[in-house]
Amino acid sequence: MLLRGLVLLMAAALLCGCETARSGLDYSETLRKVGPPKAGQARVVVLREKGYGGLADGAFDFTLDGTPLTGLKTGTYVYVDRPAGPHQFVAQEMGFPGVTRVDFAAQSGQTVFFVARFSDRKNAVIANASTGVLGYGLTLAMTAGYKNQGPMDFLALDETAARTTIAELRLAQ
């Protein structure tokens, strides 16, 4: 009996010590591999900071200029090169009323960084998820005046803050 208890204790200790790591390249490796944006292009990088896990850590799907960007999860980033000029992020979620639209402009050779987070409205809906249909309806009514009606916020980051944050993230798969 004592032996079985010790074996189970050791197995539990080993399992608790396991840590899953995101696969993919870190940002400095990606830069070395792909180089800077080509002439007339700008690079758009969207990241999801560490520490936003849990049930809500699914892949965030959104579009940039109508083209889907997929696979963004906690602790990862995605990037894409686009022609310089005006661009738009659009994020929507099935079953969530409202759409996020963020317009921005990028210059040739520039890398612009954004962090993707749940919007205040989405956080309120998640917080009241256990209140049933009536609570869901009341939450939607109470949050109808929020600036961003959609599920995501795309917040611009300055390059210094972005490079510090992105150093510990991995390229989304």
Protein backbone atom coordinates (compact mmCIF):
# COMPACT_ATOMS: atom_id res chain seq x y z
CA MET A 1 0.00 0.00 0.00
CA LEU A 2 2.80 2.39 0.90
CA LEU A 3 4.65 1.53 -2.31
CA ARG A 4 1.57 2.25 -4.41
CA GLY A 5 1.14 5.60 -2.67
CA LEU A 6 4.77 6.54 -3.33
CA VAL A 7 4.48 5.57 -7.01
CA LEU A 8 1.32 7.65 -7.39
CA LEU A 9 2.94 10.58 -5.60
CA MET A 10 5.99 10.43 -7.89
CA ALA A 11 3.79 10.18 -10.98
CA ALA A 12 1.77 13.19 -9.85
CA ALA A 13 4.95 15.18 -9.15
CA LEU A 14 6.30 14.35 -12.61
CA LEU A 15 3.05 15.34 -14.31
CA CYS A 16 2.84 18.60 -12.38
CA GLY A 17 6.34 19.47 -13.52
CA CYS A 18 5.45 19.08 -17.19
CA GLU A 19 5.05 22.26 -19.16
CA THR A 20 3.77 22.45 -22.67
CA ALA A 21 5.58 24.93 -24.87
CA ARG A 22 4.28 26.61 -27.97
CA SER A 23 6.05 25.40 -31.06
CA GLY A 24 7.17 27.73 -33.81
CA LEU A 25 9.90 30.26 -34.36
CA ASP A 26 10.53 33.14 -32.01
CA TYR A 27 10.43 36.61 -33.52
CA SER A 28 14.20 37.11 -33.89
CA GLU A 29 14.49 33.79 -35.75
CA THR A 30 11.61 34.79 -38.00
CA LEU A 31 13.26 38.13 -38.80
CA ARG A 32 16.52 36.40 -39.71
CA LYS A 33 14.67 33.92 -41.88
CA VAL A 34 12.32 36.25 -43.80
CA GLY A 35 14.22 39.55 -43.65
CA PRO A 36 12.60 42.99 -43.81
CA PRO A 37 9.48 43.74 -45.84
CA LYS A 38 10.04 44.10 -49.59
CA ALA A 39 9.98 47.52 -51.26
CA GLY A 40 6.48 48.97 -51.25
CA GLN A 41 5.38 46.54 -48.52
CA ALA A 42 4.71 46.92 -44.81
CA ARG A 43 4.74 44.15 -42.22
CA VAL A 44 1.78 43.76 -39.87
CA VAL A 45 2.42 41.74 -36.70
CA VAL A 46 -0.40 40.73 -34.36
CA LEU A 47 0.43 39.11 -31.03
CA ARG A 48 -1.41 37.54 -28.17
CA GLU A 49 0.37 38.02 -24.86
CA LYS A 50 1.09 35.22 -22.43
CA GLY A 51 -1.21 34.92 -19.46
CA TYR A 52 -4.59 34.95 -21.22
CA GLY A 53 -5.17 31.21 -21.15
CA GLY A 54 -8.03 29.19 -19.84
CA LEU A 55 -11.21 28.24 -21.62
CA ALA A 56 -11.00 31.31 -23.81
CA ASP A 57 -7.66 30.36 -25.36
CA GLY A 58 -8.98 29.17 -28.68
CA ALA A 59 -7.48 30.35 -31.91
CA PHE A 60 -8.61 33.85 -32.80
CA ASP A 61 -9.70 34.21 -36.36
CA PHE A 62 -9.95 37.65 -37.90
CA THR A 63 -9.29 39.24 -41.26
CA LEU A 64 -6.88 41.85 -42.50
CA ASP A 65 -8.20 43.51 -45.65
CA GLY A 66 -10.59 40.58 -46.13
CA THR A 67 -7.89 37.90 -45.89
CA PRO A 68 -8.22 35.55 -42.89
CA LEU A 69 -5.38 35.38 -40.35
CA THR A 70 -5.72 32.23 -38.30
CA GLY A 71 -4.05 30.39 -35.45
CA LEU A 72 -3.38 33.26 -33.04
CA LYS A 73 -3.38 31.86 -29.49
CA THR A 74 -2.03 32.95 -26.15
CA GLY A 75 1.74 33.26 -26.35
CA THR A 76 1.92 33.43 -30.16
CA TYR A 77 2.08 35.97 -32.97
CA VAL A 78 1.19 36.10 -36.66
CA TYR A 79 2.61 38.37 -39.32
CA VAL A 80 1.83 39.24 -42.90
CA ASP A 81 3.35 41.60 -45.45
CA ARG A 82 0.91 43.93 -47.20
CA PRO A 83 1.23 46.84 -49.63
CA ALA A 84 1.81 50.17 -47.91
CA GLY A 85 -1.33 52.22 -47.34
CA PRO A 86 -4.64 51.92 -45.49
CA HIS A 87 -5.71 48.59 -43.97
CA GLN A 88 -8.55 47.23 -41.83
CA PHE A 89 -8.84 44.50 -39.22
CA VAL A 90 -12.27 42.89 -38.91
CA ALA A 91 -13.10 40.44 -36.11
CA GLN A 92 -16.41 38.75 -35.56
CA GLU A 93 -17.53 35.69 -33.70
CA MET A 94 -20.46 33.41 -34.38
CA GLY A 95 -23.13 33.99 -31.78
CA PHE A 96 -21.62 37.31 -30.68
CA PRO A 97 -23.53 40.39 -31.80
CA GLY A 98 -21.16 43.02 -33.04
CA VAL A 99 -18.13 43.38 -35.23
CA THR A 100 -14.72 44.86 -34.46
CA ARG A 101 -13.30 47.13 -37.18
CA VAL A 102 -9.93 48.82 -36.79
CA ASP A 103 -8.54 51.02 -39.56
CA PHE A 104 -4.85 51.90 -39.75
CA ALA A 105 -2.22 52.91 -42.28
CA ALA A 106 1.27 51.50 -42.76
CA GLN A 107 4.20 53.00 -44.63
CA SER A 108 6.55 51.18 -46.97
CA GLY A 109 9.26 49.29 -45.06
CA GLN A 110 7.48 49.80 -41.75
CA THR A 111 6.56 47.06 -39.28
CA VAL A 112 3.42 47.79 -37.28
CA PHE A 113 2.60 45.82 -34.15
CA PHE A 114 -0.79 45.12 -32.59
CA VAL A 115 -1.80 43.17 -29.52
CA ALA A 116 -5.11 41.30 -29.77
CA ARG A 117 -7.22 41.17 -26.62
CA PHE A 118 -10.84 40.49 -25.80
CA SER A 119 -12.91 43.65 -25.96
CA ASP A 120 -14.55 45.04 -22.82
CA ARG A 121 -17.89 43.88 -24.19
CA LYS A 122 -16.63 40.32 -24.74
CA ASN A 123 -15.16 40.27 -21.21
CA ALA A 124 -18.55 41.34 -19.80
CA VAL A 125 -20.34 38.60 -21.74
CA ILE A 126 -17.84 35.99 -20.53
CA ALA A 127 -18.21 37.18 -16.93
CA ASN A 128 -22.00 36.82 -17.11
CA ALA A 129 -22.05 33.59 -19.12
CA SER A 130 -23.46 31.55 -16.27
CA THR A 131 -26.53 33.75 -15.85
CA GLY A 132 -28.46 32.11 -18.69
CA VAL A 133 -30.33 33.63 -21.61
CA LEU A 134 -31.84 36.45 -19.54
CA GLY A 135 -28.42 37.41 -18.15
CA TYR A 136 -26.94 37.24 -21.65
CA GLY A 137 -29.64 39.57 -22.97
CA LEU A 138 -29.21 41.99 -20.07
CA THR A 139 -25.42 41.99 -20.53
CA LEU A 140 -25.80 42.77 -24.23
CA ALA A 141 -28.24 45.58 -23.42
CA MET A 142 -25.95 47.05 -20.75
CA THR A 143 -22.92 46.92 -23.04
CA ALA A 144 -24.69 48.29 -26.13
CA GLY A 145 -23.07 51.69 -25.59
CA TYR A 146 -19.50 50.39 -25.57
CA LYS A 147 -17.23 51.94 -28.17
CA ASN A 148 -16.17 48.57 -29.62
CA GLN A 149 -19.22 46.37 -30.17
CA GLY A 150 -17.13 43.44 -31.43
CA PRO A 151 -15.30 40.62 -29.67
CA MET A 152 -11.68 41.80 -30.06
CA ASP A 153 -9.55 44.89 -29.53
CA PHE A 154 -6.48 45.44 -31.70
CA LEU A 155 -4.25 47.83 -29.79
CA ALA A 156 -1.27 49.40 -31.53
CA LEU A 157 2.07 48.91 -29.79
CA ASP A 158 5.16 51.05 -30.20
CA GLU A 159 8.13 49.12 -31.54
CA THR A 160 10.11 49.07 -28.28
CA ALA A 161 7.23 47.65 -26.22
CA ALA A 162 6.31 45.22 -29.00
CA ARG A 163 9.83 43.82 -29.35
CA THR A 164 10.07 43.34 -25.58
CA THR A 165 6.72 41.53 -25.45
CA ILE A 166 7.19 39.48 -28.61
CA ALA A 167 10.64 38.19 -27.58
CA GLU A 168 9.05 35.41 -25.52
CA LEU A 169 6.29 34.50 -28.00
CA ARG A 170 6.25 31.91 -30.80
CA LEU A 171 5.01 32.02 -34.38
CA ALA A 172 1.44 30.70 -34.61
CA GLN A 173 0.97 27.45 -36.47
